[in-house]
C-alpha atoms as a PDB file:
ATOM      1  CA  MET A   1     -21.402  24.827 -20.550  1.00  0.00           C
ATOM      2  CA  SER A   2     -20.077  23.381 -17.528  1.00  0.00           C
ATOM      3  CA  VAL A   3     -23.255  23.677 -15.172  1.00  0.00           C
ATOM      4  CA  LEU A   4     -21.620  22.038 -12.306  1.00  0.00           C
ATOM      5  CA  LYS A   5     -17.574  21.110 -11.304  1.00  0.00           C
ATOM      6  CA  ILE A   6     -17.373  19.497  -8.213  1.00  0.00           C
ATOM      7  CA  THR A   7     -13.735  18.757  -7.087  1.00  0.00           C
ATOM      8  CA  GLU A   8     -12.551  16.353  -4.531  1.00  0.00           C
ATOM      9  CA  LEU A   9     -15.346  17.165  -2.895  1.00  0.00           C
ATOM     10  CA  SER A  10     -15.588  15.092   1.036  1.00  0.00           C
ATOM     11  CA  LYS A  11     -17.606  14.765   3.727  1.00  0.00           C
ATOM     12  CA  ALA A  12     -17.593  12.699   6.601  1.00  0.00           C
ATOM     13  CA  TYR A  13     -19.901  12.085   9.859  1.00  0.00           C
ATOM     14  CA  GLY A  14     -17.294  10.873  12.866  1.00  0.00           C
ATOM     15  CA  VAL A  15     -15.252   7.606  11.016  1.00  0.00           C
ATOM     16  CA  ILE A  16     -17.880   7.526   8.398  1.00  0.00           C
ATOM     17  CA  LYS A  17     -16.734   9.114   4.888  1.00  0.00           C
ATOM     18  CA  ALA A  18     -19.964   9.882   3.070  1.00  0.00           C
ATOM     19  CA  VAL A  19     -18.887  11.626   0.283  1.00  0.00           C
ATOM     20  CA  ASP A  20     -14.825  10.672  -0.242  1.00  0.00           C
ATOM     21  CA  ASN A  21     -12.871  13.309  -2.877  1.00  0.00           C
ATOM     22  CA  LEU A  22     -15.901  13.123  -5.300  1.00  0.00           C
ATOM     23  CA  SER A  23     -14.910  14.813  -8.351  1.00  0.00           C
ATOM     24  CA  LEU A  24     -17.694  15.595 -11.443  1.00  0.00           C
ATOM     25  CA  THR A  25     -18.612  17.643 -13.896  1.00  0.00           C
ATOM     26  CA  ILE A  26     -21.939  18.511 -15.313  1.00  0.00           C
ATOM     27  CA  GLU A  27     -22.369  19.829 -18.767  1.00  0.00           C
ATOM     28  CA  ALA A  28     -25.822  21.374 -19.970  1.00  0.00           C
ATOM     29  CA  GLY A  29     -28.605  19.616 -21.297  1.00  0.00           C
ATOM     30  CA  GLN A  30     -27.513  16.613 -19.714  1.00  0.00           C
ATOM     31  CA  ILE A  31     -29.928  14.530 -17.351  1.00  0.00           C
ATOM     32  CA  PHE A  32     -27.195  13.254 -15.263  1.00  0.00           C
ATOM     33  CA  GLY A  33     -27.708  10.469 -12.755  1.00  0.00           C
ATOM     34  CA  ILE A  34     -26.118   9.734  -9.363  1.00  0.00           C
ATOM     35  CA  LEU A  35     -26.119   5.986  -8.889  1.00  0.00           C
ATOM     36  CA  GLY A  36     -25.256   4.262  -6.352  1.00  0.00           C
ATOM     37  CA  PRO A  37     -26.865   1.686  -3.176  1.00  0.00           C
ATOM     38  CA  ASN A  38     -28.587   3.276  -0.184  1.00  0.00           C
ATOM     39  CA  GLY A  39     -25.922   4.704   2.040  1.00  0.00           C
ATOM     40  CA  SER A  40     -23.775   5.529  -1.034  1.00  0.00           C
ATOM     41  CA  GLY A  41     -23.543   9.541  -0.265  1.00  0.00           C
ATOM     42  CA  LYS A  42     -25.764  10.247  -2.829  1.00  0.00           C
ATOM     43  CA  THR A  43     -27.556  12.670  -0.780  1.00  0.00           C
ATOM     44  CA  THR A  44     -25.053  14.001   0.883  1.00  0.00           C
ATOM     45  CA  THR A  45     -23.545  14.969  -1.977  1.00  0.00           C
ATOM     46  CA  LEU A  46     -26.748  16.553  -3.421  1.00  0.00           C
ATOM     47  CA  GLY A  47     -27.009  18.817   0.138  1.00  0.00           C
ATOM     48  CA  MET A  48     -23.478  19.856  -0.271  1.00  0.00           C
ATOM     49  CA  ILE A  49     -23.929  21.099  -3.864  1.00  0.00           C
ATOM     50  CA  THR A  50     -27.387  22.934  -2.700  1.00  0.00           C
ATOM     51  CA  GLY A  51     -25.465  24.500   0.010  1.00  0.00           C
ATOM     52  CA  ILE A  52     -27.879  22.859   3.411  1.00  0.00           C
ATOM     53  CA  LEU A  53     -24.671  20.770   4.035  1.00  0.00           C
ATOM     54  CA  LYS A  54     -20.757  22.040   4.504  1.00  0.00           C
ATOM     55  CA  PRO A  55     -18.307  20.316   2.921  1.00  0.00           C
ATOM     56  CA  ASP A  56     -15.183  19.088   4.920  1.00  0.00           C
ATOM     57  CA  SER A  57     -13.051  19.648   1.828  1.00  0.00           C
ATOM     58  CA  GLY A  58     -13.167  20.298  -1.832  1.00  0.00           C
ATOM     59  CA  SER A  59     -15.641  22.455  -3.868  1.00  0.00           C
ATOM     60  CA  TYR A  60     -17.845  22.762  -6.448  1.00  0.00           C
ATOM     61  CA  LEU A  61     -18.782  25.894  -8.339  1.00  0.00           C
ATOM     62  CA  TRP A  62     -22.061  26.474 -10.773  1.00  0.00           C
ATOM     63  CA  PHE A  63     -22.403  27.733 -14.115  1.00  0.00           C
ATOM     64  CA  GLU A  64     -18.966  28.470 -14.232  1.00  0.00           C
ATOM     65  CA  GLY A  65     -19.261  31.334 -11.868  1.00  0.00           C
ATOM     66  CA  LYS A  66     -21.480  33.276 -14.076  1.00  0.00           C
ATOM     67  CA  GLU A  67     -24.018  33.614 -11.870  1.00  0.00           C
ATOM     68  CA  GLY A  68     -24.065  36.083  -8.600  1.00  0.00           C
ATOM     69  CA  ASN A  69     -26.386  33.742  -6.807  1.00  0.00           C
ATOM     70  CA  PRO A  70     -26.135  30.188  -8.395  1.00  0.00           C
ATOM     71  CA  LEU A  71     -28.643  28.949  -5.668  1.00  0.00           C
ATOM     72  CA  LYS A  72     -31.541  31.188  -7.690  1.00  0.00           C
ATOM     73  CA  LYS A  73     -30.804  29.419 -11.004  1.00  0.00           C
ATOM     74  CA  ILE A  74     -31.162  25.407  -9.324  1.00  0.00           C
ATOM     75  CA  GLY A  75     -34.888  23.944  -8.719  1.00  0.00           C
ATOM     76  CA  THR A  76     -34.802  21.302  -5.644  1.00  0.00           C
ATOM     77  CA  ILE A  77     -36.732  18.584  -4.187  1.00  0.00           C
ATOM     78  CA  LEU A  78     -34.360  16.894  -1.809  1.00  0.00           C
ATOM     79  CA  GLU A  79     -37.169  15.386   0.617  1.00  0.00           C
ATOM     80  CA  THR A  80     -41.076  14.168  -0.158  1.00  0.00           C
ATOM     81  CA  PRO A  81     -42.674  17.069  -1.572  1.00  0.00           C
ATOM     82  CA  ASN A  82     -45.192  18.621   1.376  1.00  0.00           C
ATOM     83  CA  PHE A  83     -48.121  21.128   0.006  1.00  0.00           C
ATOM     84  CA  PHE A  84     -51.336  22.105   1.845  1.00  0.00           C
ATOM     85  CA  PRO A  85     -53.516  19.134   1.408  1.00  0.00           C
ATOM     86  CA  TYR A  86     -56.743  21.914   0.985  1.00  0.00           C
ATOM     87  CA  LEU A  87     -55.274  23.973  -1.790  1.00  0.00           C
ATOM     88  CA  ASN A  88     -55.380  23.241  -5.003  1.00  0.00           C
ATOM     89  CA  ALA A  89     -52.147  23.287  -7.743  1.00  0.00           C
ATOM     90  CA  ASP A  90     -52.503  26.750  -8.844  1.00  0.00           C
ATOM     91  CA  GLU A  91     -52.721  28.028  -5.266  1.00  0.00           C
ATOM     92  CA  ASN A  92     -50.272  25.749  -3.585  1.00  0.00           C
ATOM     93  CA  LEU A  93     -47.901  26.938  -6.880  1.00  0.00           C
ATOM     94  CA  GLU A  94     -48.733  30.691  -6.148  1.00  0.00           C
ATOM     95  CA  ILE A  95     -47.257  30.335  -2.464  1.00  0.00           C
ATOM     96  CA  VAL A  96     -43.992  28.749  -4.103  1.00  0.00           C
ATOM     97  CA  ARG A  97     -44.119  31.608  -6.434  1.00  0.00           C
ATOM     98  CA  HIS A  98     -44.549  34.482  -3.824  1.00  0.00           C
ATOM     99  CA  ILE A  99     -41.458  32.382  -1.966  1.00  0.00           C
ATOM    100  CA  LYS A 100     -39.137  32.484  -4.684  1.00  0.00           C
ATOM    101  CA  GLY A 101     -39.851  35.891  -5.645  1.00  0.00           C
ATOM    102  CA  GLY A 102     -40.898  35.089  -9.119  1.00  0.00           C
ATOM    103  CA  ILE A 103     -43.273  37.233 -11.399  1.00  0.00           C
ATOM    104  CA  ASP A 104     -44.361  34.659 -13.762  1.00  0.00           C
ATOM    105  CA  LYS A 105     -48.161  33.963 -12.576  1.00  0.00           C
ATOM    106  CA  ASP A 106     -49.516  32.119 -15.586  1.00  0.00           C
ATOM    107  CA  PHE A 107     -48.732  28.380 -14.435  1.00  0.00           C
ATOM    108  CA  ASP A 108     -50.412  27.076 -17.906  1.00  0.00           C
ATOM    109  CA  GLU A 109     -46.990  26.041 -19.722  1.00  0.00           C
ATOM    110  CA  ILE A 110     -45.629  24.593 -16.395  1.00  0.00           C
ATOM    111  CA  LEU A 111     -48.197  22.594 -15.589  1.00  0.00           C
ATOM    112  CA  SER A 112     -48.863  21.297 -18.979  1.00  0.00           C
ATOM    113  CA  LEU A 113     -45.345  20.214 -18.878  1.00  0.00           C
ATOM    114  CA  VAL A 114     -46.117  17.962 -15.934  1.00  0.00           C
ATOM    115  CA  ASN A 115     -49.267  17.053 -17.250  1.00  0.00           C
ATOM    116  CA  LEU A 116     -51.419  18.443 -14.641  1.00  0.00           C
ATOM    117  CA  LYS A 117     -53.226  21.394 -16.580  1.00  0.00           C
ATOM    118  CA  GLU A 118     -56.687  19.305 -16.497  1.00  0.00           C
ATOM    119  CA  ARG A 119     -56.463  18.935 -12.453  1.00  0.00           C
ATOM    120  CA  ARG A 120     -55.382  22.177 -11.918  1.00  0.00           C
ATOM    121  CA  LYS A 121     -58.379  23.194  -9.291  1.00  0.00           C
ATOM    122  CA  SER A 122     -58.556  19.716  -7.638  1.00  0.00           C
ATOM    123  CA  LYS A 123     -57.109  20.085  -3.942  1.00  0.00           C
ATOM    124  CA  PHE A 124     -54.037  18.166  -3.168  1.00  0.00           C
ATOM    125  CA  ASN A 125     -54.677  15.446  -1.059  1.00  0.00           C
ATOM    126  CA  SER A 126     -56.970  14.252  -3.911  1.00  0.00           C
ATOM    127  CA  TYR A 127     -53.645  13.673  -5.974  1.00  0.00           C
ATOM    128  CA  SER A 128     -52.318  10.093  -6.797  1.00  0.00           C
ATOM    129  CA  LEU A 129     -48.750   9.917  -5.369  1.00  0.00           C
ATOM    130  CA  GLY A 130     -47.200  10.166  -8.594  1.00  0.00           C
ATOM    131  CA  MET A 131     -49.523  13.520  -8.790  1.00  0.00           C
ATOM    132  CA  LYS A 132     -47.983  15.022  -6.088  1.00  0.00           C
ATOM    133  CA  GLN A 133     -44.659  13.965  -7.434  1.00  0.00           C
ATOM    134  CA  ARG A 134     -45.585  16.150 -10.692  1.00  0.00           C
ATOM    135  CA  LEU A 135     -46.837  18.943  -8.957  1.00  0.00           C
ATOM    136  CA  ALA A 136     -43.811  18.992  -6.814  1.00  0.00           C
ATOM    137  CA  ILE A 137     -41.373  18.650 -10.000  1.00  0.00           C
ATOM    138  CA  ALA A 138     -44.166  21.649 -11.373  1.00  0.00           C
ATOM    139  CA  ALA A 139     -42.404  23.961  -8.296  1.00  0.00           C
ATOM    140  CA  THR A 140     -38.963  23.026  -9.120  1.00  0.00           C
ATOM    141  CA  LEU A 141     -39.944  25.020 -12.424  1.00  0.00           C
ATOM    142  CA  ILE A 142     -41.207  28.302 -10.560  1.00  0.00           C
ATOM    143  CA  GLY A 143     -38.863  31.003 -11.517  1.00  0.00           C
ATOM    144  CA  ASP A 144     -37.462  29.263 -14.873  1.00  0.00           C
ATOM    145  CA  PRO A 145     -34.135  27.620 -13.108  1.00  0.00           C
ATOM    146  CA  LEU A 146     -31.189  26.311 -15.863  1.00  0.00           C
ATOM    147  CA  ALA A 147     -30.813  22.692 -13.633  1.00  0.00           C
ATOM    148  CA  LEU A 148     -33.411  20.680 -11.463  1.00  0.00           C
ATOM    149  CA  ILE A 149     -32.076  18.595  -8.894  1.00  0.00           C
ATOM    150  CA  TYR A 150     -34.219  15.565  -7.959  1.00  0.00           C
ATOM    151  CA  ASP A 151     -33.551  12.892  -5.009  1.00  0.00           C
ATOM    152  CA  GLU A 152     -35.177   9.435  -5.622  1.00  0.00           C
ATOM    153  CA  PRO A 153     -37.852  10.917  -7.840  1.00  0.00           C
ATOM    154  CA  THR A 154     -39.911   8.153  -8.167  1.00  0.00           C
ATOM    155  CA  ASN A 155     -39.359   6.378  -4.898  1.00  0.00           C
ATOM    156  CA  GLY A 156     -42.449   4.684  -3.367  1.00  0.00           C
ATOM    157  CA  LEU A 157     -44.121   5.171  -6.097  1.00  0.00           C
ATOM    158  CA  ASP A 158     -46.539   2.741  -7.907  1.00  0.00           C
ATOM    159  CA  PRO A 159     -45.598   1.408 -12.030  1.00  0.00           C
ATOM    160  CA  GLN A 160     -47.750   4.018 -13.463  1.00  0.00           C
ATOM    161  CA  GLY A 161     -46.507   7.034 -11.028  1.00  0.00           C
ATOM    162  CA  ILE A 162     -43.140   5.579 -11.944  1.00  0.00           C
ATOM    163  CA  ALA A 163     -43.694   6.168 -15.766  1.00  0.00           C
ATOM    164  CA  ASP A 164     -45.406   9.535 -15.306  1.00  0.00           C
ATOM    165  CA  VAL A 165     -42.667  10.909 -13.236  1.00  0.00           C
ATOM    166  CA  ARG A 166     -40.366   9.616 -15.730  1.00  0.00           C
ATOM    167  CA  GLU A 167     -42.218  11.082 -18.810  1.00  0.00           C
ATOM    168  CA  THR A 168     -42.013  14.107 -16.886  1.00  0.00           C
ATOM    169  CA  LEU A 169     -38.423  14.284 -16.350  1.00  0.00           C
ATOM    170  CA  ILE A 170     -37.805  13.770 -19.914  1.00  0.00           C
ATOM    171  CA  ASN A 171     -40.034  16.537 -21.160  1.00  0.00           C
ATOM    172  CA  VAL A 172     -38.246  19.103 -18.643  1.00  0.00           C
ATOM    173  CA  ALA A 173     -35.138  18.022 -20.025  1.00  0.00           C
ATOM    174  CA  LYS A 174     -36.554  18.640 -24.001  1.00  0.00           C
ATOM    175  CA  SER A 175     -37.148  22.144 -22.634  1.00  0.00           C
ATOM    176  CA  GLY A 176     -33.691  22.854 -22.096  1.00  0.00           C
ATOM    177  CA  LYS A 177     -33.215  22.223 -18.301  1.00  0.00           C
ATOM    178  CA  THR A 178     -30.436  20.242 -16.939  1.00  0.00           C
ATOM    179  CA  VAL A 179     -31.306  17.701 -15.153  1.00  0.00           C
ATOM    180  CA  ILE A 180     -29.485  16.174 -12.103  1.00  0.00           C
ATOM    181  CA  LEU A 181     -30.914  12.982 -10.525  1.00  0.00           C
ATOM    182  CA  ALA A 182     -30.189  10.619  -7.657  1.00  0.00           C
ATOM    183  CA  SER A 183     -31.202   6.736  -7.523  1.00  0.00           C
ATOM    184  CA  HIS A 184     -30.434   3.376  -6.764  1.00  0.00           C
ATOM    185  CA  MET A 185     -33.060   2.333  -9.683  1.00  0.00           C
ATOM    186  CA  LEU A 186     -30.752   0.855 -12.226  1.00  0.00           C
ATOM    187  CA  ASP A 187     -33.711   0.511 -14.610  1.00  0.00           C
ATOM    188  CA  GLU A 188     -34.757   4.399 -14.041  1.00  0.00           C
ATOM    189  CA  VAL A 189     -31.368   5.476 -14.788  1.00  0.00           C
ATOM    190  CA  GLU A 190     -31.369   3.571 -17.870  1.00  0.00           C
ATOM    191  CA  LYS A 191     -34.249   5.087 -19.202  1.00  0.00           C
ATOM    192  CA  ILE A 192     -34.150   8.473 -18.288  1.00  0.00           C
ATOM    193  CA  CYS A 193     -30.708   9.429 -17.573  1.00  0.00           C
ATOM    194  CA  THR A 194     -27.968  10.380 -20.695  1.00  0.00           C
ATOM    195  CA  HIS A 195     -25.445  10.189 -18.280  1.00  0.00           C
ATOM    196  CA  VAL A 196     -24.274   8.837 -15.116  1.00  0.00           C
ATOM    197  CA  ALA A 197     -21.726   8.556 -12.576  1.00  0.00           C
ATOM    198  CA  ILE A 198     -21.542   5.279  -9.905  1.00  0.00           C
ATOM    199  CA  ILE A 199     -20.880   5.868  -6.531  1.00  0.00           C
ATOM    200  CA  LYS A 200     -20.643   3.575  -3.632  1.00  0.00           C
ATOM    201  CA  ASN A 201     -19.116   4.668   0.010  1.00  0.00           C
ATOM    202  CA  GLY A 202     -19.036   8.342  -1.025  1.00  0.00           C
ATOM    203  CA  LYS A 203     -15.973   7.253  -4.077  1.00  0.00           C
ATOM    204  CA  LEU A 204     -17.084   7.860  -7.712  1.00  0.00           C
ATOM    205  CA  LEU A 205     -16.376   4.235  -9.585  1.00  0.00           C
ATOM    206  CA  ALA A 206     -17.517   5.160 -12.858  1.00  0.00           C
ATOM    207  CA  THR A 207     -18.897   8.287 -14.989  1.00  0.00           C
ATOM    208  CA  GLY A 208     -19.807   8.864 -18.379  1.00  0.00           C
ATOM    209  CA  PRO A 209     -22.540   8.543 -21.070  1.00  0.00           C
ATOM    210  CA  VAL A 210     -25.286   5.660 -20.006  1.00  0.00           C
ATOM    211  CA  GLY A 211     -24.273   3.527 -23.111  1.00  0.00           C
ATOM    212  CA  SER A 212     -20.877   3.551 -22.015  1.00  0.00           C
ATOM    213  CA  ILE A 213     -21.426   2.415 -18.300  1.00  0.00           C
ATOM    214  CA  LEU A 214     -24.711   0.450 -18.297  1.00  0.00           C
ATOM    215  CA  SER A 215     -24.997  -0.681 -21.907  1.00  0.00           C
ATOM    216  CA  SER A 216     -27.817  -2.497 -23.655  1.00  0.00           C
ATOM    217  CA  ASP A 217     -25.846  -5.312 -25.375  1.00  0.00           C
ATOM    218  CA  LYS A 218     -26.897  -8.660 -25.505  1.00  0.00           C
ATOM    219  CA  SER A 219     -24.761 -11.730 -25.751  1.00  0.00           C
ATOM    220  CA  ILE A 220     -24.853 -14.336 -27.721  1.00  0.00           C
ATOM    221  CA  GLU A 221     -23.715 -18.204 -26.869  1.00  0.00           C
ATOM    222  CA  ILE A 222     -23.380 -20.036 -30.016  1.00  0.00           C
ATOM    223  CA  ALA A 223     -21.567 -23.682 -31.067  1.00  0.00           C
ATOM    224  CA  SER A 224     -21.484 -25.489 -34.663  1.00  0.00           C
ATOM    225  CA  GLY A 225     -20.080 -28.640 -33.697  1.00  0.00           C
ATOM    226  CA  GLU A 226     -17.500 -29.891 -36.509  1.00  0.00           C
ATOM    227  CA  ASN A 227     -17.819 -26.565 -37.952  1.00  0.00           C
ATOM    228  CA  SER A 228     -16.267 -24.950 -34.770  1.00  0.00           C
ATOM    229  CA  ASN A 229     -13.525 -23.255 -36.898  1.00  0.00           C
ATOM    230  CA  ALA A 230     -15.186 -21.991 -39.586  1.00  0.00           C
ATOM    231  CA  LEU A 231     -17.695 -20.663 -37.045  1.00  0.00           C
ATOM    232  CA  ASP A 232     -14.726 -18.824 -35.104  1.00  0.00           C
ATOM    233  CA  GLY A 233     -13.514 -17.658 -38.592  1.00  0.00           C
ATOM    234  CA  TRP A 234     -16.478 -16.176 -39.293  1.00  0.00           C
ATOM    235  CA  LEU A 235     -17.424 -14.356 -35.806  1.00  0.00           C
ATOM    236  CA  ARG A 236     -13.995 -13.258 -35.774  1.00  0.00           C
ATOM    237  CA  SER A 237     -14.423 -11.475 -39.286  1.00  0.00           C
ATOM    238  CA  ASN A 238     -17.480  -9.702 -38.210  1.00  0.00           C
ATOM    239  CA  PRO A 239     -17.337  -6.591 -37.432  1.00  0.00           C
ATOM    240  CA  ASP A 240     -20.388  -5.983 -35.525  1.00  0.00           C
ATOM    241  CA  ILE A 241     -19.277  -8.458 -32.936  1.00  0.00           C
ATOM    242  CA  LYS A 242     -17.514  -6.243 -30.135  1.00  0.00           C
ATOM    243  CA  SER A 243     -16.054  -9.556 -28.341  1.00  0.00           C
ATOM    244  CA  ILE A 244     -15.689 -13.301 -28.373  1.00  0.00           C
ATOM    245  CA  GLU A 245     -14.481 -15.703 -25.731  1.00  0.00           C
ATOM    246  CA  HIS A 246     -14.614 -19.712 -26.032  1.00  0.00           C
ATOM    247  CA  ASP A 247     -15.344 -21.494 -23.549  1.00  0.00           C
ATOM    248  CA  GLY A 248     -14.611 -24.866 -24.272  1.00  0.00           C
ATOM    249  CA  PHE A 249     -18.216 -25.750 -25.468  1.00  0.00           C
ATOM    250  CA  PHE A 250     -19.594 -22.293 -26.844  1.00  0.00           C
ATOM    251  CA  PHE A 251     -18.429 -19.225 -28.287  1.00  0.00           C
ATOM    252  CA  LEU A 252     -19.678 -16.188 -26.126  1.00  0.00           C
ATOM    253  CA  CYS A 253     -20.108 -13.058 -28.262  1.00  0.00           C
ATOM    254  CA  THR A 254     -21.251  -9.880 -26.979  1.00  0.00           C
ATOM    255  CA  VAL A 255     -22.906  -7.534 -29.578  1.00  0.00           C
ATOM    256  CA  GLU A 256     -25.334  -4.381 -29.723  1.00  0.00           C
ATOM    257  CA  GLU A 257     -28.692  -4.381 -28.760  1.00  0.00           C
ATOM    258  CA  SER A 258     -29.935  -3.952 -32.464  1.00  0.00           C
ATOM    259  CA  PHE A 259     -27.656  -6.889 -33.942  1.00  0.00           C
ATOM    260  CA  ASP A 260     -29.589  -9.315 -36.051  1.00  0.00           C
ATOM    261  CA  VAL A 261     -29.511 -12.898 -34.835  1.00  0.00           C
ATOM    262  CA  VAL A 262     -31.926 -13.812 -38.047  1.00  0.00           C
ATOM    263  CA  GLU A 263     -29.475 -12.529 -40.491  1.00  0.00           C
ATOM    264  CA  MET A 264     -26.504 -13.771 -38.688  1.00  0.00           C
ATOM    265  CA  SER A 265     -28.139 -17.331 -38.968  1.00  0.00           C
ATOM    266  CA  LYS A 266     -28.851 -17.036 -42.899  1.00  0.00           C
ATOM    267  CA  ALA A 267     -25.200 -15.814 -43.206  1.00  0.00           C
ATOM    268  CA  LEU A 268     -23.651 -18.976 -41.493  1.00  0.00           C
ATOM    269  CA  SER A 269     -26.446 -21.245 -43.338  1.00  0.00           C
ATOM    270  CA  ARG A 270     -25.019 -19.907 -46.778  1.00  0.00           C
ATOM    271  CA  LEU A 271     -21.239 -20.896 -45.564  1.00  0.00           C
ATOM    272  CA  ASN A 272     -22.591 -24.510 -44.764  1.00  0.00           C
ATOM    273  CA  ILE A 273     -22.239 -23.705 -41.080  1.00  0.00           C
ATOM    274  CA  PHE A 274     -25.355 -24.664 -38.942  1.00  0.00           C
ATOM    275  CA  PRO A 275     -25.333 -23.738 -35.272  1.00  0.00           C
ATOM    276  CA  THR A 276     -25.972 -26.774 -33.002  1.00  0.00           C
ATOM    277  CA  HIS A 277     -26.594 -23.841 -30.033  1.00  0.00           C
ATOM    278  CA  LEU A 278     -27.771 -20.472 -30.168  1.00  0.00           C
ATOM    279  CA  VAL A 279     -28.974 -18.585 -27.047  1.00  0.00           C
ATOM    280  CA  VAL A 280     -29.346 -14.774 -27.325  1.00  0.00           C
ATOM    281  CA  ARG A 281     -29.577 -12.977 -23.729  1.00  0.00           C
ATOM    282  CA  LYS A 282     -29.829  -9.111 -22.904  1.00  0.00           C
ATOM    283  CA  LYS A 283     -26.849  -8.192 -20.283  1.00  0.00           C
ATOM    284  CA  LYS A 284     -28.820  -7.540 -17.208  1.00  0.00           C
ATOM    285  CA  LEU A 285     -28.117  -4.037 -15.755  1.00  0.00           C
ATOM    286  CA  GLU A 286     -27.582  -5.622 -12.032  1.00  0.00           C
ATOM    287  CA  GLU A 287     -25.053  -7.710 -12.993  1.00  0.00           C
ATOM    288  CA  GLU A 288     -23.056  -4.958 -14.758  1.00  0.00           C
ATOM    289  CA  PHE A 289     -23.997  -2.976 -12.256  1.00  0.00           C
ATOM    290  CA  LEU A 290     -22.621  -5.421  -9.554  1.00  0.00           C
ATOM    291  CA  GLN A 291     -19.316  -5.473 -11.259  1.00  0.00           C
ATOM    292  CA  ILE A 292     -18.530  -2.005 -10.514  1.00  0.00           C
ATOM    293  CA  THR A 293     -19.518  -1.504  -7.058  1.00  0.00           C
ATOM    294  CA  SER A 294     -17.849  -4.923  -6.286  1.00  0.00           C
ATOM    295  CA  LYS A 295     -14.341  -3.341  -7.289  1.00  0.00           C
ATOM    296  CA  ALA A 296     -15.270  -0.725  -4.307  1.00  0.00           C
END
């Protein structure tokens, strides 16, 4: 089922086009990352699809139009979470439940999901930044929404806080929710998301499964001196090698992350092909991202 369909959505501020004819489809169960540099239109897009901002043109449709009031089926964090500092988790969540009109007063499952059950009676002002963010995620789950939207959920957190929020978001998605998050952090999108859309200057540059857009492939530089022709033949006959280039000195090969270089060396040695140069590098997400965004 399509959870969200965005069609040629646009929003301008004067002469600046924050979002420019953006079209996306997000399916149920995906962890969908909207990835782009700061100022690329991510937050503006989230503002429009949550009804906070009015689009200049285009449209969006939640849940294929099957929900009478779709915004009641969405949990959202678009800014820094605000709770009453001298109230504990249960008390703050009860206020959220009252505002949302939820009927379930038992927060056990939600607090377990965000790993705050043991600190539920601690005051909010005693929480770390990561714990505060996890409580905000818990608040979005009240009312049993079908989709959740988070804008830069790990922004400003230390490494432990980032890891905790990452684990929380993955657990939330495993519970059956569709998660949409905006981020400029490549590494976090790769670790959390199943699908990604890359935008810059409000325009969509690429979209698809994370592995097809931001791959974890590695590259191999290899040379074998006088056995160059034999090495060339072996490399081109190997179905596990995705691409091969030759720069006059080395063969530059792209392979999947699981490719076993030791087994490759053993196979070559059995053919009396002995590499004189062999370097393995993991493809850097930053390089791949910059290649995509430089086209805009």
